[in-house]
All heavy atoms as atom14 arrays in JSON, in Angstrom:
{
  "sequence": "FADMFKDATAMMRDYLAKNGKEWEAILHEPDFEKYFTV",
  "atom14_mask": [
    [1, 1, 1, 1, 1, 1, 1, 1, 1, 1, 1, 0, 0, 0],
    [1, 1, 1, 1, 1, 0, 0, 0, 0, 0, 0, 0, 0, 0],
    [1, 1, 1, 1, 1, 1, 1, 1, 0, 0, 0, 0, 0, 0],
    [1, 1, 1, 1, 1, 1, 1, 1, 0, 0, 0, 0, 0, 0],
    [1, 1, 1, 1, 1, 1, 1, 1, 1, 1, 1, 0, 0, 0],
    [1, 1, 1, 1, 1, 1, 1, 1, 1, 0, 0, 0, 0, 0],
    [1, 1, 1, 1, 1, 1, 1, 1, 0, 0, 0, 0, 0, 0],
    [1, 1, 1, 1, 1, 0, 0, 0, 0, 0, 0, 0, 0, 0],
    [1, 1, 1, 1, 1, 1, 1, 0, 0, 0, 0, 0, 0, 0],
    [1, 1, 1, 1, 1, 0, 0, 0, 0, 0, 0, 0, 0, 0],
    [1, 1, 1, 1, 1, 1, 1, 1, 0, 0, 0, 0, 0, 0],
    [1, 1, 1, 1, 1, 1, 1, 1, 0, 0, 0, 0, 0, 0],
    [1, 1, 1, 1, 1, 1, 1, 1, 1, 1, 1, 0, 0, 0],
    [1, 1, 1, 1, 1, 1, 1, 1, 0, 0, 0, 0, 0, 0],
    [1, 1, 1, 1, 1, 1, 1, 1, 1, 1, 1, 1, 0, 0],
    [1, 1, 1, 1, 1, 1, 1, 1, 0, 0, 0, 0, 0, 0],
    [1, 1, 1, 1, 1, 0, 0, 0, 0, 0, 0, 0, 0, 0],
    [1, 1, 1, 1, 1, 1, 1, 1, 1, 0, 0, 0, 0, 0],
    [1, 1, 1, 1, 1, 1, 1, 1, 0, 0, 0, 0, 0, 0],
    [1, 1, 1, 1, 0, 0, 0, 0, 0, 0, 0, 0, 0, 0],
    [1, 1, 1, 1, 1, 1, 1, 1, 1, 0, 0, 0, 0, 0],
    [1, 1, 1, 1, 1, 1, 1, 1, 1, 0, 0, 0, 0, 0],
    [1, 1, 1, 1, 1, 1, 1, 1, 1, 1, 1, 1, 1, 1],
    [1, 1, 1, 1, 1, 1, 1, 1, 1, 0, 0, 0, 0, 0],
    [1, 1, 1, 1, 1, 0, 0, 0, 0, 0, 0, 0, 0, 0],
    [1, 1, 1, 1, 1, 1, 1, 1, 0, 0, 0, 0, 0, 0],
    [1, 1, 1, 1, 1, 1, 1, 1, 0, 0, 0, 0, 0, 0],
    [1, 1, 1, 1, 1, 1, 1, 1, 1, 1, 0, 0, 0, 0],
    [1, 1, 1, 1, 1, 1, 1, 1, 1, 0, 0, 0, 0, 0],
    [1, 1, 1, 1, 1, 1, 1, 0, 0, 0, 0, 0, 0, 0],
    [1, 1, 1, 1, 1, 1, 1, 1, 0, 0, 0, 0, 0, 0],
    [1, 1, 1, 1, 1, 1, 1, 1, 1, 1, 1, 0, 0, 0],
    [1, 1, 1, 1, 1, 1, 1, 1, 1, 0, 0, 0, 0, 0],
    [1, 1, 1, 1, 1, 1, 1, 1, 1, 0, 0, 0, 0, 0],
    [1, 1, 1, 1, 1, 1, 1, 1, 1, 1, 1, 1, 0, 0],
    [1, 1, 1, 1, 1, 1, 1, 1, 1, 1, 1, 0, 0, 0],
    [1, 1, 1, 1, 1, 1, 1, 0, 0, 0, 0, 0, 0, 0],
    [1, 1, 1, 1, 1, 1, 1, 0, 0, 0, 0, 0, 0, 0]
  ],
  "atom14_positions": [
    [[60.13, 95.81, 145.07], [60.22, 94.95, 146.25], [61.52, 95.17, 147.0], [61.57, 95.0, 148.21], [60.11, 93.47, 145.84], [58.73, 93.04, 145.44], [58.24, 93.29, 144.17], [57.89, 92.4, 146.34], [56.96, 92.91, 143.79], [56.63, 92.02, 145.97], [56.14, 92.24, 144.71], [0.0, 0.0, 0.0], [0.0, 0.0, 0.0], [0.0, 0.0, 0.0]],
    [[62.59, 95.49, 146.29], [63.92, 95.62, 146.89], [64.04, 96.91, 147.65], [63.74, 97.98, 147.16], [64.98, 95.53, 145.82], [0.0, 0.0, 0.0], [0.0, 0.0, 0.0], [0.0, 0.0, 0.0], [0.0, 0.0, 0.0], [0.0, 0.0, 0.0], [0.0, 0.0, 0.0], [0.0, 0.0, 0.0], [0.0, 0.0, 0.0], [0.0, 0.0, 0.0]],
    [[64.48, 96.8, 148.91], [64.62, 98.01, 149.73], [66.09, 98.28, 150.08], [66.38, 99.14, 150.91], [63.8, 97.89, 151.03], [64.23, 96.74, 151.91], [65.23, 96.07, 151.57], [63.61, 96.49, 152.93], [0.0, 0.0, 0.0], [0.0, 0.0, 0.0], [0.0, 0.0, 0.0], [0.0, 0.0, 0.0], [0.0, 0.0, 0.0], [0.0, 0.0, 0.0]],
    [[67.02, 97.54, 149.43], [68.43, 97.73, 149.76], [69.14, 98.73, 148.85], [70.3, 99.05, 149.08], [69.19, 96.36, 149.71], [69.41, 95.82, 148.31], [67.92, 95.16, 147.51], [67.65, 93.67, 148.48], [0.0, 0.0, 0.0], [0.0, 0.0, 0.0], [0.0, 0.0, 0.0], [0.0, 0.0, 0.0], [0.0, 0.0, 0.0], [0.0, 0.0, 0.0]],
    [[68.43, 99.25, 147.87], [69.04, 100.23, 146.95], [68.67, 101.64, 147.41], [67.57, 102.15, 147.1], [68.54, 99.97, 145.51], [68.83, 98.56, 145.05], [67.79, 97.74, 144.65], [70.12, 98.08, 145.02], [68.05, 96.46, 144.21], [70.37, 96.76, 144.58], [69.33, 95.97, 144.17], [0.0, 0.0, 0.0], [0.0, 0.0, 0.0], [0.0, 0.0, 0.0]],
    [[69.57, 102.26, 148.14], [69.27, 103.58, 148.72], [68.96, 104.63, 147.68], [68.11, 105.49, 147.89], [70.44, 104.01, 149.62], [70.62, 103.15, 150.85], [71.78, 103.67, 151.72], [71.93, 102.82, 152.96], [73.06, 103.28, 153.83], [0.0, 0.0, 0.0], [0.0, 0.0, 0.0], [0.0, 0.0, 0.0], [0.0, 0.0, 0.0], [0.0, 0.0, 0.0]],
    [[69.66, 104.54, 146.54], [69.41, 105.52, 145.47], [68.0, 105.41, 144.93], [67.32, 106.42, 144.67], [70.43, 105.36, 144.33], [71.81, 105.81, 144.73], [71.97, 106.45, 145.77], [72.75, 105.55, 143.97], [0.0, 0.0, 0.0], [0.0, 0.0, 0.0], [0.0, 0.0, 0.0], [0.0, 0.0, 0.0], [0.0, 0.0, 0.0], [0.0, 0.0, 0.0]],
    [[67.52, 104.19, 144.75], [66.16, 103.97, 144.24], [65.14, 104.48, 145.24], [64.17, 105.17, 144.87], [65.94, 102.48, 143.95], [0.0, 0.0, 0.0], [0.0, 0.0, 0.0], [0.0, 0.0, 0.0], [0.0, 0.0, 0.0], [0.0, 0.0, 0.0], [0.0, 0.0, 0.0], [0.0, 0.0, 0.0], [0.0, 0.0, 0.0], [0.0, 0.0, 0.0]],
    [[65.35, 104.23, 146.52], [64.43, 104.72, 147.55], [64.4, 106.23, 147.54], [63.31, 106.86, 147.61], [64.86, 104.21, 148.93], [64.72, 102.77, 148.97], [64.01, 104.8, 150.03], [0.0, 0.0, 0.0], [0.0, 0.0, 0.0], [0.0, 0.0, 0.0], [0.0, 0.0, 0.0], [0.0, 0.0, 0.0], [0.0, 0.0, 0.0], [0.0, 0.0, 0.0]],
    [[65.58, 106.87, 147.46], [65.63, 108.36, 147.45], [64.96, 108.93, 146.23], [64.22, 109.92, 146.31], [67.08, 108.79, 147.54], [0.0, 0.0, 0.0], [0.0, 0.0, 0.0], [0.0, 0.0, 0.0], [0.0, 0.0, 0.0], [0.0, 0.0, 0.0], [0.0, 0.0, 0.0], [0.0, 0.0, 0.0], [0.0, 0.0, 0.0], [0.0, 0.0, 0.0]],
    [[65.16, 108.32, 145.07], [64.53, 108.81, 143.83], [63.03, 108.72, 143.91], [62.3, 109.65, 143.52], [65.05, 107.99, 142.63], [66.51, 108.23, 142.3], [67.18, 107.06, 141.07], [66.46, 107.7, 139.57], [0.0, 0.0, 0.0], [0.0, 0.0, 0.0], [0.0, 0.0, 0.0], [0.0, 0.0, 0.0], [0.0, 0.0, 0.0], [0.0, 0.0, 0.0]],
    [[62.52, 107.63, 144.47], [61.06, 107.48, 144.59], [60.51, 108.48, 145.61], [59.47, 109.12, 145.37], [60.72, 106.04, 145.01], [59.26, 105.81, 145.31], [58.15, 106.24, 143.96], [56.56, 105.97, 144.8], [0.0, 0.0, 0.0], [0.0, 0.0, 0.0], [0.0, 0.0, 0.0], [0.0, 0.0, 0.0], [0.0, 0.0, 0.0], [0.0, 0.0, 0.0]],
    [[61.17, 108.67, 146.72], [60.7, 109.65, 147.73], [60.68, 111.06, 147.13], [59.71, 111.81, 147.35], [61.58, 109.6, 148.97], [61.32, 108.42, 149.88], [62.27, 108.45, 151.07], [62.03, 107.37, 151.98], [62.98, 106.83, 152.76], [64.22, 107.31, 152.72], [62.69, 105.83, 153.56], [0.0, 0.0, 0.0], [0.0, 0.0, 0.0], [0.0, 0.0, 0.0]],
    [[61.73, 111.42, 146.41], [61.79, 112.76, 145.83], [60.66, 112.98, 144.83], [60.05, 114.03, 144.8], [63.15, 112.98, 145.14], [64.29, 113.09, 146.11], [64.03, 113.26, 147.32], [65.46, 113.03, 145.67], [0.0, 0.0, 0.0], [0.0, 0.0, 0.0], [0.0, 0.0, 0.0], [0.0, 0.0, 0.0], [0.0, 0.0, 0.0], [0.0, 0.0, 0.0]],
    [[60.4, 111.95, 144.05], [59.35, 112.09, 143.02], [57.98, 112.14, 143.69], [57.11, 112.96, 143.3], [59.43, 110.88, 142.07], [58.52, 111.02, 140.85], [58.95, 111.68, 139.71], [57.24, 110.44, 140.85], [58.12, 111.81, 138.62], [56.43, 110.56, 139.74], [56.86, 111.25, 138.62], [56.05, 111.36, 137.51], [0.0, 0.0, 0.0], [0.0, 0.0, 0.0]],
    [[57.79, 111.3, 144.69], [56.53, 111.28, 145.42], [56.25, 112.61, 146.11], [55.12, 113.11, 146.11], [56.51, 110.14, 146.43], [55.29, 109.96, 147.34], [54.05, 109.77, 146.52], [55.53, 108.8, 148.27], [0.0, 0.0, 0.0], [0.0, 0.0, 0.0], [0.0, 0.0, 0.0], [0.0, 0.0, 0.0], [0.0, 0.0, 0.0], [0.0, 0.0, 0.0]],
    [[57.29, 113.21, 146.69], [57.14, 114.49, 147.37], [56.65, 115.57, 146.45], [55.92, 116.49, 146.86], [58.47, 114.89, 148.04], [0.0, 0.0, 0.0], [0.0, 0.0, 0.0], [0.0, 0.0, 0.0], [0.0, 0.0, 0.0], [0.0, 0.0, 0.0], [0.0, 0.0, 0.0], [0.0, 0.0, 0.0], [0.0, 0.0, 0.0], [0.0, 0.0, 0.0]],
    [[57.01, 115.48, 145.16], [56.64, 116.5, 144.19], [55.4, 116.1, 143.36], [54.83, 116.98, 142.72], [57.81, 116.73, 143.23], [59.05, 117.29, 143.9], [60.2, 117.39, 142.91], [61.48, 117.88, 143.59], [62.62, 117.9, 142.64], [0.0, 0.0, 0.0], [0.0, 0.0, 0.0], [0.0, 0.0, 0.0], [0.0, 0.0, 0.0], [0.0, 0.0, 0.0]],
    [[55.0, 114.87, 143.38], [53.92, 114.4, 142.52], [52.9, 113.57, 143.31], [52.49, 112.49, 142.89], [54.51, 113.54, 141.39], [55.46, 114.34, 140.5], [55.06, 115.02, 139.56], [56.75, 114.24, 140.79], [0.0, 0.0, 0.0], [0.0, 0.0, 0.0], [0.0, 0.0, 0.0], [0.0, 0.0, 0.0], [0.0, 0.0, 0.0], [0.0, 0.0, 0.0]],
    [[52.51, 114.13, 144.45], [51.6, 113.42, 145.34], [50.19, 113.25, 144.78], [49.55, 112.22, 145.01], [0.0, 0.0, 0.0], [0.0, 0.0, 0.0], [0.0, 0.0, 0.0], [0.0, 0.0, 0.0], [0.0, 0.0, 0.0], [0.0, 0.0, 0.0], [0.0, 0.0, 0.0], [0.0, 0.0, 0.0], [0.0, 0.0, 0.0], [0.0, 0.0, 0.0]],
    [[49.71, 114.27, 144.01], [48.36, 114.15, 143.51], [48.22, 113.01, 142.49], [47.19, 112.3, 142.5], [47.94, 115.49, 142.85], [47.71, 116.6, 143.85], [47.22, 117.87, 143.19], [46.98, 118.99, 144.24], [46.52, 120.22, 143.58], [0.0, 0.0, 0.0], [0.0, 0.0, 0.0], [0.0, 0.0, 0.0], [0.0, 0.0, 0.0], [0.0, 0.0, 0.0]],
    [[49.24, 112.83, 141.67], [49.2, 111.72, 140.72], [49.21, 110.38, 141.45], [48.5, 109.44, 141.07], [50.41, 111.82, 139.8], [50.46, 110.74, 138.71], [51.76, 110.74, 137.91], [52.6, 111.66, 138.1], [51.92, 109.83, 137.07], [0.0, 0.0, 0.0], [0.0, 0.0, 0.0], [0.0, 0.0, 0.0], [0.0, 0.0, 0.0], [0.0, 0.0, 0.0]],
    [[49.97, 110.28, 142.51], [50.02, 109.07, 143.34], [48.65, 108.79, 143.95], [48.16, 107.64, 143.87], [51.06, 109.29, 144.44], [51.2, 108.22, 145.47], [50.74, 108.25, 146.76], [51.92, 106.99, 145.35], [51.09, 107.14, 147.44], [51.83, 106.34, 146.6], [52.62, 106.38, 144.33], [52.41, 105.08, 146.84], [53.21, 105.12, 144.57], [53.09, 104.5, 145.81]],
    [[48.04, 109.79, 144.5], [46.72, 109.62, 145.11], [45.66, 109.19, 144.08], [44.8, 108.36, 144.37], [46.27, 110.9, 145.8], [47.03, 111.2, 147.09], [46.82, 110.14, 148.17], [45.7, 109.65, 148.27], [47.8, 109.84, 148.87], [0.0, 0.0, 0.0], [0.0, 0.0, 0.0], [0.0, 0.0, 0.0], [0.0, 0.0, 0.0], [0.0, 0.0, 0.0]],
    [[45.76, 109.76, 142.86], [44.79, 109.42, 141.82], [44.9, 107.94, 141.46], [43.9, 107.25, 141.23], [45.03, 110.28, 140.59], [0.0, 0.0, 0.0], [0.0, 0.0, 0.0], [0.0, 0.0, 0.0], [0.0, 0.0, 0.0], [0.0, 0.0, 0.0], [0.0, 0.0, 0.0], [0.0, 0.0, 0.0], [0.0, 0.0, 0.0], [0.0, 0.0, 0.0]],
    [[46.15, 107.42, 141.42], [46.36, 105.99, 141.11], [45.8, 105.12, 142.24], [45.04, 104.16, 142.0], [47.85, 105.71, 140.89], [48.34, 106.39, 139.63], [48.12, 104.2, 140.82], [49.86, 106.4, 139.47], [0.0, 0.0, 0.0], [0.0, 0.0, 0.0], [0.0, 0.0, 0.0], [0.0, 0.0, 0.0], [0.0, 0.0, 0.0], [0.0, 0.0, 0.0]],
    [[46.12, 105.48, 143.47], [45.72, 104.64, 144.61], [44.22, 104.63, 144.83], [43.67, 103.69, 145.4], [46.43, 105.11, 145.88], [47.77, 104.39, 146.19], [48.74, 104.46, 145.05], [48.41, 104.97, 147.46], [0.0, 0.0, 0.0], [0.0, 0.0, 0.0], [0.0, 0.0, 0.0], [0.0, 0.0, 0.0], [0.0, 0.0, 0.0], [0.0, 0.0, 0.0]],
    [[43.54, 105.73, 144.44], [42.09, 105.83, 144.69], [41.25, 105.52, 143.47], [40.04, 105.73, 143.5], [41.77, 107.2, 145.27], [42.4, 107.42, 146.61], [42.09, 106.6, 147.71], [43.27, 108.35, 147.06], [42.76, 107.03, 148.76], [43.49, 108.08, 148.4], [0.0, 0.0, 0.0], [0.0, 0.0, 0.0], [0.0, 0.0, 0.0], [0.0, 0.0, 0.0]],
    [[41.87, 105.02, 142.4], [41.1, 104.51, 141.25], [40.29, 103.35, 141.76], [40.82, 102.48, 142.48], [42.04, 104.13, 140.14], [41.39, 104.03, 138.76], [40.66, 102.71, 138.59], [41.14, 101.71, 139.11], [39.61, 102.71, 137.92], [0.0, 0.0, 0.0], [0.0, 0.0, 0.0], [0.0, 0.0, 0.0], [0.0, 0.0, 0.0], [0.0, 0.0, 0.0]],
    [[38.96, 103.26, 141.48], [38.13, 102.25, 142.12], [38.63, 100.81, 142.03], [38.64, 100.1, 143.03], [36.78, 102.42, 141.37], [36.77, 103.86, 140.98], [38.2, 104.19, 140.64], [0.0, 0.0, 0.0], [0.0, 0.0, 0.0], [0.0, 0.0, 0.0], [0.0, 0.0, 0.0], [0.0, 0.0, 0.0], [0.0, 0.0, 0.0], [0.0, 0.0, 0.0]],
    [[39.05, 100.34, 140.84], [39.53, 98.96, 140.73], [40.81, 98.75, 141.52], [41.02, 97.68, 142.12], [39.77, 98.59, 139.26], [38.48, 98.23, 138.57], [37.47, 97.95, 139.25], [38.45, 98.2, 137.33], [0.0, 0.0, 0.0], [0.0, 0.0, 0.0], [0.0, 0.0, 0.0], [0.0, 0.0, 0.0], [0.0, 0.0, 0.0], [0.0, 0.0, 0.0]],
    [[41.68, 99.75, 141.55], [42.91, 99.65, 142.32], [42.57, 99.49, 143.81], [43.12, 98.61, 144.5], [43.8, 100.87, 142.07], [45.18, 100.75, 142.64], [46.21, 100.34, 141.84], [45.44, 101.0, 143.98], [47.53, 100.2, 142.34], [46.73, 100.84, 144.51], [47.77, 100.45, 143.67], [0.0, 0.0, 0.0], [0.0, 0.0, 0.0], [0.0, 0.0, 0.0]],
    [[41.73, 100.36, 144.29], [41.33, 100.28, 145.73], [40.68, 98.96, 146.08], [40.83, 98.43, 147.18], [40.4, 101.44, 146.05], [41.07, 102.78, 146.28], [40.12, 103.77, 146.93], [39.0, 103.98, 146.39], [40.5, 104.37, 147.93], [0.0, 0.0, 0.0], [0.0, 0.0, 0.0], [0.0, 0.0, 0.0], [0.0, 0.0, 0.0], [0.0, 0.0, 0.0]],
    [[39.96, 98.39, 145.13], [39.24, 97.13, 145.36], [40.21, 95.98, 145.55], [39.99, 95.08, 146.38], [38.3, 96.86, 144.19], [37.52, 95.55, 144.3], [36.59, 95.38, 143.11], [35.84, 94.06, 143.17], [34.95, 93.88, 141.99], [0.0, 0.0, 0.0], [0.0, 0.0, 0.0], [0.0, 0.0, 0.0], [0.0, 0.0, 0.0], [0.0, 0.0, 0.0]],
    [[41.33, 95.98, 144.8], [42.22, 94.82, 144.76], [43.53, 94.96, 145.5], [44.15, 93.98, 145.87], [42.51, 94.43, 143.3], [41.35, 93.89, 142.56], [40.62, 94.66, 141.64], [40.89, 92.57, 142.79], [39.53, 94.13, 140.97], [39.81, 92.03, 142.11], [39.13, 92.82, 141.21], [38.06, 92.32, 140.53], [0.0, 0.0, 0.0], [0.0, 0.0, 0.0]],
    [[43.99, 96.19, 145.71], [45.38, 96.36, 146.16], [45.51, 97.27, 147.38], [44.75, 98.23, 147.53], [46.25, 96.95, 145.04], [46.17, 96.22, 143.73], [45.81, 96.92, 142.58], [46.45, 94.88, 143.65], [45.72, 96.25, 141.36], [46.36, 94.21, 142.43], [46.01, 94.89, 141.3], [0.0, 0.0, 0.0], [0.0, 0.0, 0.0], [0.0, 0.0, 0.0]],
    [[46.52, 97.0, 148.17], [47.0, 97.86, 149.24], [48.51, 97.98, 149.08], [49.19, 96.96, 148.92], [46.7, 97.28, 150.62], [45.27, 97.14, 150.77], [47.21, 98.18, 151.73], [0.0, 0.0, 0.0], [0.0, 0.0, 0.0], [0.0, 0.0, 0.0], [0.0, 0.0, 0.0], [0.0, 0.0, 0.0], [0.0, 0.0, 0.0], [0.0, 0.0, 0.0]],
    [[49.03, 99.18, 149.08], [50.48, 99.35, 148.93], [51.2, 98.84, 150.16], [50.86, 99.21, 151.28], [50.81, 100.84, 148.67], [52.35, 100.99, 148.52], [50.11, 101.37, 147.45], [0.0, 0.0, 0.0], [0.0, 0.0, 0.0], [0.0, 0.0, 0.0], [0.0, 0.0, 0.0], [0.0, 0.0, 0.0], [0.0, 0.0, 0.0], [0.0, 0.0, 0.0]]
  ]
}
């Protein structure tokens, strides 16, 4: 939830840039899509 930690934001962006398929698999799991929006 916290967006004031620049290091945390950078770490997440770097990981996401390299691991996009895993991210998409989580977001498009049927129960996840049914209940949640990032």
